[in-house]
């Protein structure tokens, strides 16, 4: 049996870009996001682990002025200005019919599609929400990895967004992520973080 060597850690520059100096953006430069970057960040984010490789996350990249106008009424007042200024706003959602893709995505268990379809709707939705949220976190890291800044947020009316953008009801919104190139002058001071001993246990 051949043992593979451990994966080497990322260097300090990569860790800074992904985590340590990366910030939640509140303001944006007037600089467009190339479409190819949106494709690139999705192709990274889709590699996130999900339950039975279900990949329930769906994303609508709201970019045009017309689409931004449709999104605006659903936003909490404090999120309007920064969202309207962001070059792109990603609506991270989950597909309630995610299990229909199991024959393609999880062929190792041929019965997975039918077994999942037979579960109560609430259980299916909880599974999809969990994995889609995990994918959404990867989407943020992927965006940072390709050189974009992020402003993830709640603060919106999910039902209004779903009605406006997912008229058939098959997709359900989780959260929003503003994407683009941030304005450093509008970043809030770095908030404190909980220490390991406050947030973690080793048992």
Foldseek 3Di string as FASTA:
>chain_A
DDDDDDDDDDDPVLCCLQPVVAAAFQAADQDADDPVLVVQLLVQLLPFDADLSLSFKDKDKQADPVSLVLQQVFAAPSNRPRQSRFRIKIFIKGFLQSLVCCVPRRVVDVCSSVVLVPDDSVVSVVRRLVRSVRSVVSSQSSLSVSPKHKNKDAGGHFVSCCCRPVVVNRITTDTMIRIGHHDVVRTDPDDDDDDCVVPHDDD
